[in-house]
C-alpha atoms as a PDB file:
ATOM      1  CA  MET A   1      86.905  63.100 123.631  1.00  0.00           C
ATOM      2  CA  ASN A   2      88.146  67.418 124.067  1.00  0.00           C
ATOM      3  CA  LEU A   3      91.030  68.338 126.879  1.00  0.00           C
ATOM      4  CA  LEU A   4      92.085  70.914 129.001  1.00  0.00           C
ATOM      5  CA  PHE A   5      93.687  71.863 131.255  1.00  0.00           C
ATOM      6  CA  LEU A   6      93.073  73.497 134.789  1.00  0.00           C
ATOM      7  CA  THR A   7      96.307  75.048 136.938  1.00  0.00           C
ATOM      8  CA  GLY A   8      94.865  77.065 139.251  1.00  0.00           C
ATOM      9  CA  MET A   9      96.049  78.319 142.894  1.00  0.00           C
ATOM     10  CA  PRO A  10      96.037  76.126 145.781  1.00  0.00           C
ATOM     11  CA  ARG A  11      93.876  77.286 148.030  1.00  0.00           C
ATOM     12  CA  ALA A  12      91.494  78.860 145.407  1.00  0.00           C
ATOM     13  CA  GLY A  13      88.538  77.186 145.153  1.00  0.00           C
ATOM     14  CA  ASN A  14      90.031  74.332 142.124  1.00  0.00           C
ATOM     15  CA  THR A  15      87.782  71.710 144.276  1.00  0.00           C
ATOM     16  CA  ILE A  16      84.003  73.927 144.431  1.00  0.00           C
ATOM     17  CA  PHE A  17      85.085  74.850 140.465  1.00  0.00           C
ATOM     18  CA  SER A  18      85.794  71.371 140.550  1.00  0.00           C
ATOM     19  CA  VAL A  19      82.475  70.154 141.553  1.00  0.00           C
ATOM     20  CA  ILE A  20      80.435  72.455 139.775  1.00  0.00           C
ATOM     21  CA  LEU A  21      81.682  71.639 136.563  1.00  0.00           C
ATOM     22  CA  ASN A  22      81.474  67.617 136.948  1.00  0.00           C
ATOM     23  CA  SER A  23      78.326  68.080 138.040  1.00  0.00           C
ATOM     24  CA  ASN A  24      77.738  68.713 134.341  1.00  0.00           C
ATOM     25  CA  LYS A  25      77.173  65.771 132.445  1.00  0.00           C
ATOM     26  CA  ASN A  26      79.378  66.649 129.370  1.00  0.00           C
ATOM     27  CA  ILE A  27      82.138  67.448 131.512  1.00  0.00           C
ATOM     28  CA  LYS A  28      84.858  65.875 134.075  1.00  0.00           C
ATOM     29  CA  VAL A  29      87.650  67.713 136.039  1.00  0.00           C
ATOM     30  CA  SER A  30      90.572  65.787 137.515  1.00  0.00           C
ATOM     31  CA  ALA A  31      92.010  65.370 140.960  1.00  0.00           C
ATOM     32  CA  ASN A  32      95.168  66.992 141.550  1.00  0.00           C
ATOM     33  CA  SER A  33      96.397  65.191 138.066  1.00  0.00           C
ATOM     34  CA  ILE A  34      99.578  62.889 138.221  1.00  0.00           C
ATOM     35  CA  LEU A  35      99.826  62.839 134.406  1.00  0.00           C
ATOM     36  CA  PRO A  36     103.017  65.240 134.605  1.00  0.00           C
ATOM     37  CA  ASP A  37     104.845  63.216 136.574  1.00  0.00           C
ATOM     38  CA  ILE A  38     104.591  60.711 134.930  1.00  0.00           C
ATOM     39  CA  LEU A  39     105.268  62.064 131.258  1.00  0.00           C
ATOM     40  CA  TYR A  40     108.238  63.199 133.077  1.00  0.00           C
ATOM     41  CA  TYR A  41     109.601  59.798 134.347  1.00  0.00           C
ATOM     42  CA  LEU A  42     108.957  58.457 130.305  1.00  0.00           C
ATOM     43  CA  ASN A  43     111.125  61.690 128.595  1.00  0.00           C
ATOM     44  CA  ASN A  44     113.671  60.791 131.507  1.00  0.00           C
ATOM     45  CA  LEU A  45     114.188  57.961 130.316  1.00  0.00           C
ATOM     46  CA  LYS A  46     115.377  58.115 127.342  1.00  0.00           C
ATOM     47  CA  ASN A  47     118.287  60.256 129.509  1.00  0.00           C
ATOM     48  CA  SER A  48     118.844  57.877 132.735  1.00  0.00           C
ATOM     49  CA  SER A  49     117.719  54.325 131.504  1.00  0.00           C
ATOM     50  CA  GLU A  50     120.779  52.271 130.675  1.00  0.00           C
ATOM     51  CA  ILE A  51     118.213  49.713 128.823  1.00  0.00           C
ATOM     52  CA  TYR A  52     116.569  52.744 127.329  1.00  0.00           C
ATOM     53  CA  ASN A  53     120.118  53.208 126.347  1.00  0.00           C
ATOM     54  CA  ASN A  54     121.212  50.003 125.457  1.00  0.00           C
ATOM     55  CA  PHE A  55     118.529  49.454 122.717  1.00  0.00           C
ATOM     56  CA  PRO A  56     117.035  53.133 122.018  1.00  0.00           C
ATOM     57  CA  ASP A  57     113.893  52.343 120.539  1.00  0.00           C
ATOM     58  CA  GLU A  58     112.260  55.574 120.757  1.00  0.00           C
ATOM     59  CA  LYS A  59     109.488  55.354 118.415  1.00  0.00           C
ATOM     60  CA  SER A  60     108.079  52.025 120.659  1.00  0.00           C
ATOM     61  CA  LEU A  61     108.165  54.516 123.751  1.00  0.00           C
ATOM     62  CA  ASN A  62     106.605  57.633 121.751  1.00  0.00           C
ATOM     63  CA  ASN A  63     103.793  55.529 121.241  1.00  0.00           C
ATOM     64  CA  ILE A  64     103.162  55.455 125.559  1.00  0.00           C
ATOM     65  CA  ILE A  65     103.953  58.906 125.499  1.00  0.00           C
ATOM     66  CA  TYR A  66     101.869  60.529 122.649  1.00  0.00           C
ATOM     67  CA  ASN A  67      98.875  58.301 123.321  1.00  0.00           C
ATOM     68  CA  LEU A  68      99.057  58.749 128.035  1.00  0.00           C
ATOM     69  CA  PHE A  69      95.606  60.767 127.786  1.00  0.00           C
ATOM     70  CA  ASN A  70      94.111  58.510 125.352  1.00  0.00           C
ATOM     71  CA  ASN A  71      94.853  55.745 127.322  1.00  0.00           C
ATOM     72  CA  TYR A  72      94.513  57.452 130.819  1.00  0.00           C
ATOM     73  CA  TYR A  73      90.954  58.739 130.281  1.00  0.00           C
ATOM     74  CA  SER A  74      89.950  56.138 127.883  1.00  0.00           C
ATOM     75  CA  ASP A  75      87.149  54.901 130.199  1.00  0.00           C
ATOM     76  CA  TRP A  76      86.224  58.074 131.231  1.00  0.00           C
ATOM     77  CA  ASN A  77      82.786  58.764 129.808  1.00  0.00           C
ATOM     78  CA  SER A  78      82.591  62.195 129.118  1.00  0.00           C
ATOM     79  CA  GLU A  79      82.749  64.837 126.168  1.00  0.00           C
ATOM     80  CA  TYR A  80      84.727  67.281 127.530  1.00  0.00           C
ATOM     81  CA  ILE A  81      88.013  66.373 130.131  1.00  0.00           C
ATOM     82  CA  ILE A  82      89.582  68.946 132.395  1.00  0.00           C
ATOM     83  CA  ASP A  83      92.668  67.795 133.681  1.00  0.00           C
ATOM     84  CA  ARG A  84      94.365  69.811 137.036  1.00  0.00           C
ATOM     85  CA  GLY A  85      97.909  70.439 137.278  1.00  0.00           C
ATOM     86  CA  PRO A  86     100.830  72.705 137.292  1.00  0.00           C
ATOM     87  CA  TRP A  87     101.243  72.602 133.025  1.00  0.00           C
ATOM     88  CA  GLY A  88     101.998  75.841 132.484  1.00  0.00           C
ATOM     89  CA  VAL A  89     105.741  75.406 134.416  1.00  0.00           C
ATOM     90  CA  SER A  90     108.483  75.171 131.671  1.00  0.00           C
ATOM     91  CA  GLU A  91     109.610  71.335 131.233  1.00  0.00           C
ATOM     92  CA  ASN A  92     105.804  70.191 131.366  1.00  0.00           C
ATOM     93  CA  LEU A  93     104.467  72.549 129.121  1.00  0.00           C
ATOM     94  CA  THR A  94     107.731  71.772 126.257  1.00  0.00           C
ATOM     95  CA  MET A  95     106.223  68.231 126.633  1.00  0.00           C
ATOM     96  CA  LEU A  96     102.557  68.395 126.490  1.00  0.00           C
ATOM     97  CA  LYS A  97     103.002  70.368 123.672  1.00  0.00           C
ATOM     98  CA  SER A  98     104.665  67.780 122.301  1.00  0.00           C
ATOM     99  CA  ILE A  99     101.669  65.751 122.597  1.00  0.00           C
ATOM    100  CA  ILE A 100      99.494  68.998 121.766  1.00  0.00           C
ATOM    101  CA  LYS A 101     100.270  71.440 119.726  1.00  0.00           C
ATOM    102  CA  LYS A 102      97.795  73.838 120.574  1.00  0.00           C
ATOM    103  CA  PRO A 103      96.493  73.400 124.790  1.00  0.00           C
ATOM    104  CA  LYS A 104      93.464  75.212 126.423  1.00  0.00           C
ATOM    105  CA  PHE A 105      94.251  76.526 129.794  1.00  0.00           C
ATOM    106  CA  ILE A 106      91.980  77.117 132.309  1.00  0.00           C
ATOM    107  CA  ILE A 107      93.970  79.718 135.185  1.00  0.00           C
ATOM    108  CA  LEU A 108      92.312  79.941 138.425  1.00  0.00           C
ATOM    109  CA  TYR A 109      93.693  82.738 140.158  1.00  0.00           C
ATOM    110  CA  ARG A 110      94.462  84.239 143.990  1.00  0.00           C
ATOM    111  CA  SER A 111      97.049  86.636 144.876  1.00  0.00           C
ATOM    112  CA  VAL A 112     100.008  85.055 146.364  1.00  0.00           C
ATOM    113  CA  LEU A 113      99.494  86.420 149.999  1.00  0.00           C
ATOM    114  CA  GLU A 114      96.071  85.246 150.181  1.00  0.00           C
ATOM    115  CA  CYS A 115      97.266  81.847 148.687  1.00  0.00           C
ATOM    116  CA  LEU A 116      99.982  81.277 152.218  1.00  0.00           C
ATOM    117  CA  ALA A 117      97.260  83.195 154.270  1.00  0.00           C
ATOM    118  CA  SER A 118      94.836  80.418 153.473  1.00  0.00           C
ATOM    119  CA  PHE A 119      97.673  77.625 154.304  1.00  0.00           C
ATOM    120  CA  ILE A 120      98.964  78.515 157.215  1.00  0.00           C
ATOM    121  CA  LYS A 121      95.096  79.553 158.887  1.00  0.00           C
ATOM    122  CA  LEU A 122      93.910  75.294 158.174  1.00  0.00           C
ATOM    123  CA  GLU A 123      97.535  73.958 159.113  1.00  0.00           C
ATOM    124  CA  LYS A 124      98.606  76.136 162.053  1.00  0.00           C
ATOM    125  CA  PRO A 125     102.042  75.414 161.822  1.00  0.00           C
ATOM    126  CA  PHE A 126     104.379  75.854 164.848  1.00  0.00           C
ATOM    127  CA  ASP A 127     106.765  78.463 162.139  1.00  0.00           C
ATOM    128  CA  ILE A 128     104.739  80.397 159.603  1.00  0.00           C
ATOM    129  CA  GLU A 129     107.856  81.442 158.071  1.00  0.00           C
ATOM    130  CA  ARG A 130     109.311  78.295 157.645  1.00  0.00           C
ATOM    131  CA  ARG A 131     106.524  77.010 156.113  1.00  0.00           C
ATOM    132  CA  CYS A 132     105.767  79.897 153.915  1.00  0.00           C
ATOM    133  CA  ALA A 133     109.243  79.656 152.098  1.00  0.00           C
ATOM    134  CA  GLN A 134     108.936  75.931 151.518  1.00  0.00           C
ATOM    135  CA  LEU A 135     105.365  76.724 149.738  1.00  0.00           C
ATOM    136  CA  MET A 136     107.520  79.467 147.440  1.00  0.00           C
ATOM    137  CA  ASP A 137     111.457  77.937 147.345  1.00  0.00           C
ATOM    138  CA  PRO A 138     111.770  77.437 143.737  1.00  0.00           C
ATOM    139  CA  THR A 139     114.131  74.529 145.342  1.00  0.00           C
ATOM    140  CA  SER A 140     111.876  72.659 147.439  1.00  0.00           C
ATOM    141  CA  GLU A 141     109.498  69.496 146.914  1.00  0.00           C
ATOM    142  CA  GLY A 142     106.837  70.934 148.629  1.00  0.00           C
ATOM    143  CA  ASN A 143     106.884  74.670 146.854  1.00  0.00           C
ATOM    144  CA  ILE A 144     102.967  74.161 145.768  1.00  0.00           C
ATOM    145  CA  ILE A 145     102.248  77.792 145.760  1.00  0.00           C
ATOM    146  CA  TYR A 146     105.834  78.530 143.819  1.00  0.00           C
ATOM    147  CA  LYS A 147     104.907  75.806 141.031  1.00  0.00           C
ATOM    148  CA  TYR A 148     101.513  76.853 140.510  1.00  0.00           C
ATOM    149  CA  TYR A 149     102.331  80.896 140.726  1.00  0.00           C
ATOM    150  CA  THR A 150     104.934  79.736 138.117  1.00  0.00           C
ATOM    151  CA  SER A 151     102.836  77.497 135.953  1.00  0.00           C
ATOM    152  CA  ILE A 152     100.617  80.541 135.327  1.00  0.00           C
ATOM    153  CA  ASN A 153     102.981  82.977 134.467  1.00  0.00           C
ATOM    154  CA  ASN A 154     104.378  81.200 131.986  1.00  0.00           C
ATOM    155  CA  ILE A 155     101.220  80.110 130.549  1.00  0.00           C
ATOM    156  CA  ILE A 156     100.359  83.901 129.896  1.00  0.00           C
ATOM    157  CA  LYS A 157     103.997  84.625 128.753  1.00  0.00           C
ATOM    158  CA  GLN A 158     104.151  82.283 126.483  1.00  0.00           C
ATOM    159  CA  LYS A 159     100.540  83.340 125.048  1.00  0.00           C
ATOM    160  CA  GLU A 160      99.210  80.237 125.258  1.00  0.00           C
ATOM    161  CA  GLU A 161      95.348  79.512 124.451  1.00  0.00           C
ATOM    162  CA  HIS A 162      93.820  80.624 128.378  1.00  0.00           C
ATOM    163  CA  ILE A 163      90.490  82.028 130.463  1.00  0.00           C
ATOM    164  CA  PHE A 164      91.854  83.517 133.178  1.00  0.00           C
ATOM    165  CA  ILE A 165      89.324  83.239 136.271  1.00  0.00           C
ATOM    166  CA  ASN A 166      90.192  85.488 139.764  1.00  0.00           C
ATOM    167  CA  TYR A 167      88.803  83.628 142.777  1.00  0.00           C
ATOM    168  CA  SER A 168      86.829  86.554 144.143  1.00  0.00           C
ATOM    169  CA  ASP A 169      84.859  87.070 140.725  1.00  0.00           C
ATOM    170  CA  PHE A 170      84.228  82.840 140.986  1.00  0.00           C
ATOM    171  CA  VAL A 171      82.753  83.897 144.224  1.00  0.00           C
ATOM    172  CA  VAL A 172      81.309  86.321 143.989  1.00  0.00           C
ATOM    173  CA  ASP A 173      79.684  86.075 140.751  1.00  0.00           C
ATOM    174  CA  THR A 174      79.886  82.364 139.465  1.00  0.00           C
ATOM    175  CA  LYS A 175      77.124  82.692 137.411  1.00  0.00           C
ATOM    176  CA  LYS A 176      78.771  85.068 135.016  1.00  0.00           C
ATOM    177  CA  VAL A 177      82.260  83.094 135.512  1.00  0.00           C
ATOM    178  CA  LEU A 178      80.572  80.420 134.011  1.00  0.00           C
ATOM    179  CA  LYS A 179      78.778  82.053 131.728  1.00  0.00           C
ATOM    180  CA  SER A 180      82.134  83.014 129.909  1.00  0.00           C
ATOM    181  CA  LEU A 181      83.767  79.839 131.171  1.00  0.00           C
ATOM    182  CA  SER A 182      80.740  78.351 128.888  1.00  0.00           C
ATOM    183  CA  LYS A 183      81.721  80.149 125.509  1.00  0.00           C
ATOM    184  CA  PHE A 184      85.600  79.307 125.964  1.00  0.00           C
ATOM    185  CA  ILE A 185      85.144  75.268 126.249  1.00  0.00           C
ATOM    186  CA  GLY A 186      82.323  74.925 124.267  1.00  0.00           C
ATOM    187  CA  THR A 187      79.170  73.670 126.704  1.00  0.00           C
ATOM    188  CA  GLU A 188      76.810  74.905 128.885  1.00  0.00           C
ATOM    189  CA  ILE A 189      77.771  74.956 132.022  1.00  0.00           C
ATOM    190  CA  LEU A 190      75.240  75.250 134.965  1.00  0.00           C
ATOM    191  CA  ILE A 191      75.254  75.604 138.664  1.00  0.00           C
ATOM    192  CA  PRO A 192      74.551  71.990 140.324  1.00  0.00           C
ATOM    193  CA  ASN A 193      70.828  72.684 142.769  1.00  0.00           C
ATOM    194  CA  LYS A 194      73.056  71.048 145.412  1.00  0.00           C
ATOM    195  CA  LEU A 195      76.683  70.829 146.163  1.00  0.00           C
ATOM    196  CA  ASN A 196      78.736  67.502 147.031  1.00  0.00           C
ATOM    197  CA  GLN A 197      82.112  67.239 148.152  1.00  0.00           C
ATOM    198  CA  PHE A 198      84.150  65.868 145.222  1.00  0.00           C
ATOM    199  CA  LYS A 199      84.247  61.999 143.825  1.00  0.00           C
ATOM    200  CA  LEU A 200      85.004  61.338 140.824  1.00  0.00           C
ATOM    201  CA  ASN A 201      84.743  58.038 139.422  1.00  0.00           C
ATOM    202  CA  GLY A 202      83.521  56.196 142.708  1.00  0.00           C
ATOM    203  CA  ILE A 203      86.662  57.523 144.839  1.00  0.00           C
ATOM    204  CA  SER A 204      86.694  60.478 146.849  1.00  0.00           C
ATOM    205  CA  TYR A 205      90.102  62.828 148.336  1.00  0.00           C
ATOM    206  CA  ASP A 206      91.501  60.674 151.210  1.00  0.00           C
ATOM    207  CA  ASP A 207      93.385  63.775 153.069  1.00  0.00           C
ATOM    208  CA  SER A 208      94.156  61.950 156.120  1.00  0.00           C
ATOM    209  CA  ILE A 209      97.743  62.005 154.823  1.00  0.00           C
ATOM    210  CA  TYR A 210      97.832  65.528 155.390  1.00  0.00           C
ATOM    211  CA  HIS A 211      96.124  65.245 158.484  1.00  0.00           C
ATOM    212  CA  PHE A 212      93.429  68.290 157.904  1.00  0.00           C
ATOM    213  CA  ASN A 213      91.212  68.922 155.571  1.00  0.00           C
ATOM    214  CA  LEU A 214      92.789  70.208 152.532  1.00  0.00           C
ATOM    215  CA  HIS A 215      89.445  69.497 150.069  1.00  0.00           C
ATOM    216  CA  GLU A 216      86.471  69.492 151.961  1.00  0.00           C
ATOM    217  CA  ILE A 217      84.071  72.499 150.947  1.00  0.00           C
ATOM    218  CA  ARG A 218      81.267  74.258 152.191  1.00  0.00           C
ATOM    219  CA  THR A 219      78.121  72.773 150.286  1.00  0.00           C
ATOM    220  CA  ASN A 220      75.775  75.108 151.613  1.00  0.00           C
ATOM    221  CA  ASN A 221      77.213  77.624 149.705  1.00  0.00           C
ATOM    222  CA  ILE A 222      79.743  79.499 147.142  1.00  0.00           C
ATOM    223  CA  SER A 223      81.592  82.167 148.735  1.00  0.00           C
ATOM    224  CA  GLN A 224      84.421  83.409 150.464  1.00  0.00           C
ATOM    225  CA  LYS A 225      86.164  83.162 154.161  1.00  0.00           C
ATOM    226  CA  LYS A 226      86.614  86.677 155.139  1.00  0.00           C
ATOM    227  CA  TYR A 227      89.626  87.354 157.498  1.00  0.00           C
ATOM    228  CA  LEU A 228      92.678  89.545 157.373  1.00  0.00           C
ATOM    229  CA  ILE A 229      95.989  88.995 156.299  1.00  0.00           C
ATOM    230  CA  GLU A 230      98.198  90.983 158.688  1.00  0.00           C
ATOM    231  CA  GLU A 231      96.140  88.668 161.497  1.00  0.00           C
ATOM    232  CA  ILE A 232      97.553  85.479 159.986  1.00  0.00           C
ATOM    233  CA  LEU A 233     101.037  85.976 158.387  1.00  0.00           C
ATOM    234  CA  PRO A 234     103.956  88.109 159.847  1.00  0.00           C
ATOM    235  CA  LEU A 235     104.985  91.090 158.892  1.00  0.00           C
ATOM    236  CA  SER A 236     108.051  89.380 157.478  1.00  0.00           C
ATOM    237  CA  VAL A 237     106.268  87.688 155.188  1.00  0.00           C
ATOM    238  CA  ILE A 238     104.010  89.560 153.567  1.00  0.00           C
ATOM    239  CA  LYS A 239     107.200  92.403 152.488  1.00  0.00           C
ATOM    240  CA  LYS A 240     108.722  89.043 151.121  1.00  0.00           C
ATOM    241  CA  TYR A 241     106.101  88.046 149.114  1.00  0.00           C
ATOM    242  CA  GLU A 242     103.812  90.970 148.360  1.00  0.00           C
ATOM    243  CA  LYS A 243     105.838  91.642 144.999  1.00  0.00           C
ATOM    244  CA  PHE A 244     104.421  88.582 143.453  1.00  0.00           C
END
């Protein structure tokens, strides 16, 4: 198993990107991964568990930690597996590199303002400024845009091995992007004749928990919806986050 990591800005085409890659028999891209959380909880036992500290068998616990990816993906019949998550966040990156010394990252980027506008257009919240603040608050549990923005920046800052894909480039010239990605991963990636909704190992996203179709893609073509950020976001939000 060759393991890589996808860290993409939310609303930057992660789902259709994954659908395309998953159509190639040698590759499987995960849905939003729970592995960063699992790894965090396992490592946190060393500091927070009374039972562990009463009998600190670190070697045995590390057997679980160091084999986390092999165990989780043991029945995924694929040569290349790409785990999608905010692995570049400082704490996640430290934990990851304790297992994989030189991880390889795929970065899928879209500007913060475009991501915010896409969320607002989809969710239609009553209080736009408040919702944007939640998505960008470093201390909020729902700070998904800030989290991935931080993840991407840290991967680049730490000079980790990565390929940087801009969302607009991916949409405008998909074949060119996939050609570069094929070289980076080490296997040919082709555009499928037909696009389907994301489904993996017989499982689909259940977006009913969000009350809107967060992961639904257009299956007739690969395109970007055109809209003006100024028509969606208040000027106060634009000024606050335009430098990100």
